[in-house]
C-alpha cells in the first residue's frame, strides 16, 4: 500500500471516530452543516462518511429531515 493511500485511510478512520464521539457527546440529531462546523470537516467528506456509517447501522437518518442521529 502506498504511503499516500495509507495516510488517507488513517485520516478517514480518525474522522469516523471523531464523528462517533461527536454523537456520543451530542446525544441528539445533527445536520451535515452542524457536523462540518463542529469537526472542521469538508461537506463532501462529512456527507460520504455519514452515508457510509448510516449504511453500516452506526447512524440513523431522521425521517422527514436532513438530519442524522
PDB file of N, CA and C in Angstrom:
ATOM      1  N   UNK A   1       0.845  -1.176   0.000  1.00  0.00           N
ATOM      2  CA  UNK A   1       0.000   0.000   0.000  1.00  0.00           C
ATOM      3  C   UNK A   1       0.887   1.235   0.000  1.00  0.00           C
ATOM      4  N   UNK A   2       0.534   2.196  -0.819  1.00  0.00           N
ATOM      5  CA  UNK A   2       1.339   3.411  -0.907  1.00  0.00           C
ATOM      6  C   UNK A   2       1.169   4.243   0.355  1.00  0.00           C
ATOM      7  N   UNK A   3       2.167   5.059   0.620  1.00  0.00           N
ATOM      8  CA  UNK A   3       2.137   5.919   1.803  1.00  0.00           C
ATOM      9  C   UNK A   3       0.948   6.877   1.745  1.00  0.00           C
ATOM     10  N   UNK A   4       0.667   7.421   0.562  1.00  0.00           N
ATOM     11  CA  UNK A   4      -0.439   8.366   0.399  1.00  0.00           C
ATOM     12  C   UNK A   4      -1.778   7.693   0.715  1.00  0.00           C
ATOM     13  N   UNK A   5      -1.972   6.485   0.218  1.00  0.00           N
ATOM     14  CA  UNK A   5      -3.227   5.761   0.472  1.00  0.00           C
ATOM     15  C   UNK A   5      -3.338   5.407   1.954  1.00  0.00           C
ATOM     16  N   UNK A   6      -2.250   5.017   2.554  1.00  0.00           N
ATOM     17  CA  UNK A   6      -2.245   4.682   3.978  1.00  0.00           C
ATOM     18  C   UNK A   6      -2.630   5.911   4.812  1.00  0.00           C
ATOM     19  N   UNK A   7      -2.085   7.076   4.470  1.00  0.00           N
ATOM     20  CA  UNK A   7      -2.415   8.307   5.187  1.00  0.00           C
ATOM     21  C   UNK A   7      -3.891   8.653   5.008  1.00  0.00           C
ATOM     22  N   UNK A   8      -4.425   8.417   3.812  1.00  0.00           N
ATOM     23  CA  UNK A   8      -5.834   8.677   3.544  1.00  0.00           C
ATOM     24  C   UNK A   8      -6.724   7.770   4.389  1.00  0.00           C
ATOM     25  N   UNK A   9      -6.352   6.502   4.501  1.00  0.00           N
ATOM     26  CA  UNK A   9      -7.117   5.549   5.311  1.00  0.00           C
ATOM     27  C   UNK A   9      -7.094   5.945   6.784  1.00  0.00           C
ATOM     28  N   UNK A  10      -5.954   6.398   7.262  1.00  0.00           N
ATOM     29  CA  UNK A  10      -5.838   6.820   8.655  1.00  0.00           C
ATOM     30  C   UNK A  10      -6.701   8.060   8.894  1.00  0.00           C
ATOM     31  N   UNK A  11      -6.684   8.995   7.955  1.00  0.00           N
ATOM     32  CA  UNK A  11      -7.491  10.215   8.075  1.00  0.00           C
ATOM     33  C   UNK A  11      -8.975   9.854   8.104  1.00  0.00           C
ATOM     34  N   UNK A  12      -9.391   8.929   7.253  1.00  0.00           N
ATOM     35  CA  UNK A  12     -10.794   8.502   7.222  1.00  0.00           C
ATOM     36  C   UNK A  12     -11.199   7.826   8.526  1.00  0.00           C
ATOM     37  N   UNK A  13     -10.340   6.995   9.050  1.00  0.00           N
ATOM     38  CA  UNK A  13     -10.634   6.326  10.323  1.00  0.00           C
ATOM     39  C   UNK A  13     -10.733   7.341  11.450  1.00  0.00           C
ATOM     40  N   UNK A  14      -9.844   8.307  11.467  1.00  0.00           N
ATOM     41  CA  UNK A  14      -9.866   9.344  12.500  1.00  0.00           C
ATOM     42  C   UNK A  14     -11.157  10.155  12.409  1.00  0.00           C
ATOM     43  N   UNK A  15     -11.582  10.477  11.204  1.00  0.00           N
ATOM     44  CA  UNK A  15     -12.823  11.226  11.027  1.00  0.00           C
ATOM     45  C   UNK A  15     -14.030  10.414  11.474  1.00  0.00           C
ATOM     46  N   UNK A  16     -14.046   9.131  11.167  1.00  0.00           N
ATOM     47  CA  UNK A  16     -15.154   8.271  11.587  1.00  0.00           C
ATOM     48  C   UNK A  16     -15.250   8.215  13.105  1.00  0.00           C
ATOM     49  N   UNK A  17     -14.123   8.053  13.757  1.00  0.00           N
ATOM     50  CA  UNK A  17     -14.130   8.014  15.219  1.00  0.00           C
ATOM     51  C   UNK A  17     -14.533   9.355  15.816  1.00  0.00           C
ATOM     52  N   UNK A  18     -14.071  10.443  15.223  1.00  0.00           N
ATOM     53  CA  UNK A  18     -14.454  11.781  15.697  1.00  0.00           C
ATOM     54  C   UNK A  18     -15.963  11.975  15.565  1.00  0.00           C
ATOM     55  N   UNK A  19     -16.540  11.490  14.483  1.00  0.00           N
ATOM     56  CA  UNK A  19     -17.974  11.621  14.275  1.00  0.00           C
ATOM     57  C   UNK A  19     -18.757  10.797  15.305  1.00  0.00           C
ATOM     58  N   UNK A  20     -18.308   9.606  15.576  1.00  0.00           N
ATOM     59  CA  UNK A  20     -18.966   8.772  16.590  1.00  0.00           C
ATOM     60  C   UNK A  20     -18.855   9.422  17.965  1.00  0.00           C
ATOM     61  N   UNK A  21     -17.701   9.976  18.290  1.00  0.00           N
ATOM     62  CA  UNK A  21     -17.529  10.676  19.561  1.00  0.00           C
ATOM     63  C   UNK A  21     -18.422  11.911  19.628  1.00  0.00           C
ATOM     64  N   UNK A  22     -18.564  12.625  18.514  1.00  0.00           N
ATOM     65  CA  UNK A  22     -19.429  13.799  18.444  1.00  0.00           C
ATOM     66  C   UNK A  22     -20.857  13.427  18.837  1.00  0.00           C
ATOM     67  N   UNK A  23     -21.383  12.359  18.243  1.00  0.00           N
ATOM     68  CA  UNK A  23     -22.749  11.947  18.556  1.00  0.00           C
ATOM     69  C   UNK A  23     -22.856  11.373  19.967  1.00  0.00           C
ATOM     70  N   UNK A  24     -21.805  10.778  20.459  1.00  0.00           N
ATOM     71  CA  UNK A  24     -21.819  10.277  21.826  1.00  0.00           C
ATOM     72  C   UNK A  24     -21.990  11.434  22.815  1.00  0.00           C
ATOM     73  N   UNK A  25     -21.360  12.572  22.525  1.00  0.00           N
ATOM     74  CA  UNK A  25     -21.474  13.745  23.385  1.00  0.00           C
ATOM     75  C   UNK A  25     -22.766  14.515  23.117  1.00  0.00           C
ATOM     76  N   UNK A  26     -23.159  14.634  21.865  1.00  0.00           N
ATOM     77  CA  UNK A  26     -24.328  15.441  21.481  1.00  0.00           C
ATOM     78  C   UNK A  26     -25.633  14.811  21.945  1.00  0.00           C
ATOM     79  N   UNK A  27     -25.748  13.521  21.814  1.00  0.00           N
ATOM     80  CA  UNK A  27     -26.947  12.779  22.215  1.00  0.00           C
ATOM     81  C   UNK A  27     -28.223  13.271  21.542  1.00  0.00           C
ATOM     82  N   UNK A  28     -28.107  13.639  20.269  1.00  0.00           N
ATOM     83  CA  UNK A  28     -29.270  14.080  19.522  1.00  0.00           C
ATOM     84  C   UNK A  28     -28.917  14.226  18.057  1.00  0.00           C
ATOM     85  N   UNK A  29     -29.914  14.550  17.237  1.00  0.00           N
ATOM     86  CA  UNK A  29     -29.674  14.661  15.805  1.00  0.00           C
ATOM     87  C   UNK A  29     -28.837  15.877  15.433  1.00  0.00           C
ATOM     88  N   UNK A  30     -28.224  15.798  14.259  1.00  0.00           N
ATOM     89  CA  UNK A  30     -27.408  16.896  13.736  1.00  0.00           C
ATOM     90  C   UNK A  30     -27.482  16.884  12.219  1.00  0.00           C
ATOM     91  N   UNK A  31     -27.297  18.043  11.645  1.00  0.00           N
ATOM     92  CA  UNK A  31     -27.252  18.156  10.186  1.00  0.00           C
ATOM     93  C   UNK A  31     -25.800  18.015   9.727  1.00  0.00           C
ATOM     94  N   UNK A  32     -25.614  17.846   8.445  1.00  0.00           N
ATOM     95  CA  UNK A  32     -24.262  17.793   7.885  1.00  0.00           C
ATOM     96  C   UNK A  32     -23.536  19.101   8.200  1.00  0.00           C
ATOM     97  N   UNK A  33     -24.252  20.219   8.087  1.00  0.00           N
ATOM     98  CA  UNK A  33     -23.652  21.524   8.382  1.00  0.00           C
ATOM     99  C   UNK A  33     -23.161  21.570   9.838  1.00  0.00           C
ATOM    100  N   UNK A  34     -23.964  21.065  10.777  1.00  0.00           N
ATOM    101  CA  UNK A  34     -23.558  21.023  12.188  1.00  0.00           C
ATOM    102  C   UNK A  34     -22.271  20.209  12.358  1.00  0.00           C
ATOM    103  N   UNK A  35     -22.237  19.068  11.693  1.00  0.00           N
ATOM    104  CA  UNK A  35     -21.080  18.169  11.792  1.00  0.00           C
ATOM    105  C   UNK A  35     -19.833  18.848  11.224  1.00  0.00           C
ATOM    106  N   UNK A  36     -19.981  19.463  10.063  1.00  0.00           N
ATOM    107  CA  UNK A  36     -18.841  20.139   9.423  1.00  0.00           C
ATOM    108  C   UNK A  36     -18.273  21.231  10.315  1.00  0.00           C
ATOM    109  N   UNK A  37     -19.152  22.023  10.903  1.00  0.00           N
ATOM    110  CA  UNK A  37     -18.702  23.109  11.762  1.00  0.00           C
ATOM    111  C   UNK A  37     -18.046  22.591  13.034  1.00  0.00           C
ATOM    112  N   UNK A  38     -18.610  21.577  13.624  1.00  0.00           N
ATOM    113  CA  UNK A  38     -18.081  21.046  14.882  1.00  0.00           C
ATOM    114  C   UNK A  38     -16.744  20.337  14.701  1.00  0.00           C
ATOM    115  N   UNK A  39     -16.596  19.639  13.573  1.00  0.00           N
ATOM    116  CA  UNK A  39     -15.411  18.805  13.369  1.00  0.00           C
ATOM    117  C   UNK A  39     -14.438  19.374  12.335  1.00  0.00           C
ATOM    118  N   UNK A  40     -14.725  20.589  11.832  1.00  0.00           N
ATOM    119  CA  UNK A  40     -13.850  21.229  10.836  1.00  0.00           C
ATOM    120  C   UNK A  40     -13.577  20.282   9.667  1.00  0.00           C
ATOM    121  N   UNK A  41     -14.669  19.739   9.129  1.00  0.00           N
ATOM    122  CA  UNK A  41     -14.596  18.730   8.079  1.00  0.00           C
ATOM    123  C   UNK A  41     -15.266  19.278   6.820  1.00  0.00           C
ATOM    124  N   UNK A  42     -14.698  19.019   5.649  1.00  0.00           N
ATOM    125  CA  UNK A  42     -15.362  19.435   4.413  1.00  0.00           C
ATOM    126  C   UNK A  42     -16.735  18.768   4.265  1.00  0.00           C
ATOM    127  N   UNK A  43     -17.668  19.479   3.637  1.00  0.00           N
ATOM    128  CA  UNK A  43     -19.027  18.964   3.472  1.00  0.00           C
ATOM    129  C   UNK A  43     -19.044  17.638   2.720  1.00  0.00           C
ATOM    130  N   UNK A  44     -18.235  17.534   1.696  1.00  0.00           N
ATOM    131  CA  UNK A  44     -18.223  16.293   0.906  1.00  0.00           C
ATOM    132  C   UNK A  44     -17.757  15.106   1.747  1.00  0.00           C
ATOM    133  N   UNK A  45     -16.762  15.324   2.566  1.00  0.00           N
ATOM    134  CA  UNK A  45     -16.253  14.253   3.438  1.00  0.00           C
ATOM    135  C   UNK A  45     -17.294  13.856   4.477  1.00  0.00           C
ATOM    136  N   UNK A  46     -17.931  14.851   5.080  1.00  0.00           N
ATOM    137  CA  UNK A  46     -18.953  14.570   6.094  1.00  0.00           C
ATOM    138  C   UNK A  46     -20.128  13.814   5.482  1.00  0.00           C
ATOM    139  N   UNK A  47     -20.560  14.222   4.296  1.00  0.00           N
ATOM    140  CA  UNK A  47     -21.687  13.559   3.633  1.00  0.00           C
ATOM    141  C   UNK A  47     -21.380  12.096   3.335  1.00  0.00           C
ATOM    142  N   UNK A  48     -20.207  11.838   2.782  1.00  0.00           N
ATOM    143  CA  UNK A  48     -19.834  10.459   2.460  1.00  0.00           C
ATOM    144  C   UNK A  48     -19.684   9.609   3.725  1.00  0.00           C
ATOM    145  N   UNK A  49     -19.094  10.185   4.751  1.00  0.00           N
ATOM    146  CA  UNK A  49     -18.899   9.456   5.997  1.00  0.00           C
ATOM    147  C   UNK A  49     -20.241   9.142   6.655  1.00  0.00           C
ATOM    148  N   UNK A  50     -21.129  10.114   6.693  1.00  0.00           N
ATOM    149  CA  UNK A  50     -22.459   9.887   7.272  1.00  0.00           C
ATOM    150  C   UNK A  50     -23.201   8.818   6.483  1.00  0.00           C
ATOM    151  N   UNK A  51     -23.135   8.892   5.165  1.00  0.00           N
ATOM    152  CA  UNK A  51     -23.802   7.886   4.326  1.00  0.00           C
ATOM    153  C   UNK A  51     -23.273   6.485   4.638  1.00  0.00           C
ATOM    154  N   UNK A  52     -21.963   6.356   4.708  1.00  0.00           N
ATOM    155  CA  UNK A  52     -21.338   5.058   4.984  1.00  0.00           C
ATOM    156  C   UNK A  52     -21.722   4.542   6.370  1.00  0.00           C
ATOM    157  N   UNK A  53     -21.632   5.400   7.381  1.00  0.00           N
ATOM    158  CA  UNK A  53     -21.950   4.972   8.745  1.00  0.00           C
ATOM    159  C   UNK A  53     -23.436   4.652   8.902  1.00  0.00           C
ATOM    160  N   UNK A  54     -24.293   5.341   8.156  1.00  0.00           N
ATOM    161  CA  UNK A  54     -25.727   5.028   8.187  1.00  0.00           C
ATOM    162  C   UNK A  54     -25.985   3.661   7.539  1.00  0.00           C
ATOM    163  N   UNK A  55     -25.317   3.397   6.430  1.00  0.00           N
ATOM    164  CA  UNK A  55     -25.471   2.100   5.764  1.00  0.00           C
ATOM    165  C   UNK A  55     -25.000   0.955   6.651  1.00  0.00           C
ATOM    166  N   UNK A  56     -23.998   1.221   7.473  1.00  0.00           N
ATOM    167  CA  UNK A  56     -23.472   0.204   8.384  1.00  0.00           C
ATOM    168  C   UNK A  56     -24.278   0.092   9.679  1.00  0.00           C
ATOM    169  N   UNK A  57     -25.217   1.014   9.873  1.00  0.00           N
ATOM    170  CA  UNK A  57     -26.080   0.959  11.048  1.00  0.00           C
ATOM    171  C   UNK A  57     -25.584   1.752  12.252  1.00  0.00           C
ATOM    172  N   UNK A  58     -24.522   2.512  12.091  1.00  0.00           N
ATOM    173  CA  UNK A  58     -23.990   3.296  13.207  1.00  0.00           C
ATOM    174  C   UNK A  58     -24.729   4.612  13.389  1.00  0.00           C
ATOM    175  N   UNK A  59     -25.338   5.125  12.330  1.00  0.00           N
ATOM    176  CA  UNK A  59     -26.129   6.345  12.376  1.00  0.00           C
ATOM    177  C   UNK A  59     -27.479   6.059  11.740  1.00  0.00           C
ATOM    178  N   UNK A  60     -28.461   6.877  12.083  1.00  0.00           N
ATOM    179  CA  UNK A  60     -29.802   6.737  11.532  1.00  0.00           C
ATOM    180  C   UNK A  60     -30.239   8.076  10.971  1.00  0.00           C
ATOM    181  N   UNK A  61     -30.770   8.066   9.778  1.00  0.00           N
ATOM    182  CA  UNK A  61     -31.320   9.291   9.200  1.00  0.00           C
ATOM    183  C   UNK A  61     -32.662   9.572   9.876  1.00  0.00           C
ATOM    184  N   UNK A  62     -32.874  10.827  10.275  1.00  0.00           N
ATOM    185  CA  UNK A  62     -34.119  11.228  10.923  1.00  0.00           C
ATOM    186  C   UNK A  62     -35.148  11.488   9.823  1.00  0.00           C
ATOM    187  N   UNK A  63     -36.176  10.664   9.799  1.00  0.00           N
ATOM    188  CA  UNK A  63     -37.183  10.715   8.735  1.00  0.00           C
ATOM    189  C   UNK A  63     -37.838  12.096   8.683  1.00  0.00           C
ATOM    190  N   UNK A  64     -37.992  12.605   7.466  1.00  0.00           N
ATOM    191  CA  UNK A  64     -38.643  13.887   7.249  1.00  0.00           C
ATOM    192  C   UNK A  64     -37.735  15.087   7.480  1.00  0.00           C
ATOM    193  N   UNK A  65     -36.454  14.829   7.768  1.00  0.00           N
ATOM    194  CA  UNK A  65     -35.493  15.925   7.979  1.00  0.00           C
ATOM    195  C   UNK A  65     -34.227  15.621   7.205  1.00  0.00           C
ATOM    196  N   UNK A  66     -33.290  16.530   7.282  1.00  0.00           N
ATOM    197  CA  UNK A  66     -31.970  16.304   6.676  1.00  0.00           C
ATOM    198  C   UNK A  66     -30.949  16.035   7.760  1.00  0.00           C
ATOM    199  N   UNK A  67     -31.397  15.441   8.866  1.00  0.00           N
ATOM    200  CA  UNK A  67     -30.519  15.192   9.999  1.00  0.00           C
ATOM    201  C   UNK A  67     -30.263  13.709  10.200  1.00  0.00           C
ATOM    202  N   UNK A  68     -29.202  13.438  10.940  1.00  0.00           N
ATOM    203  CA  UNK A  68     -28.865  12.071  11.331  1.00  0.00           C
ATOM    204  C   UNK A  68     -28.667  12.043  12.831  1.00  0.00           C
ATOM    205  N   UNK A  69     -28.792  10.879  13.389  1.00  0.00           N
ATOM    206  CA  UNK A  69     -28.599  10.703  14.826  1.00  0.00           C
ATOM    207  C   UNK A  69     -27.887   9.390  15.069  1.00  0.00           C
TER     208      UNK A  69
END
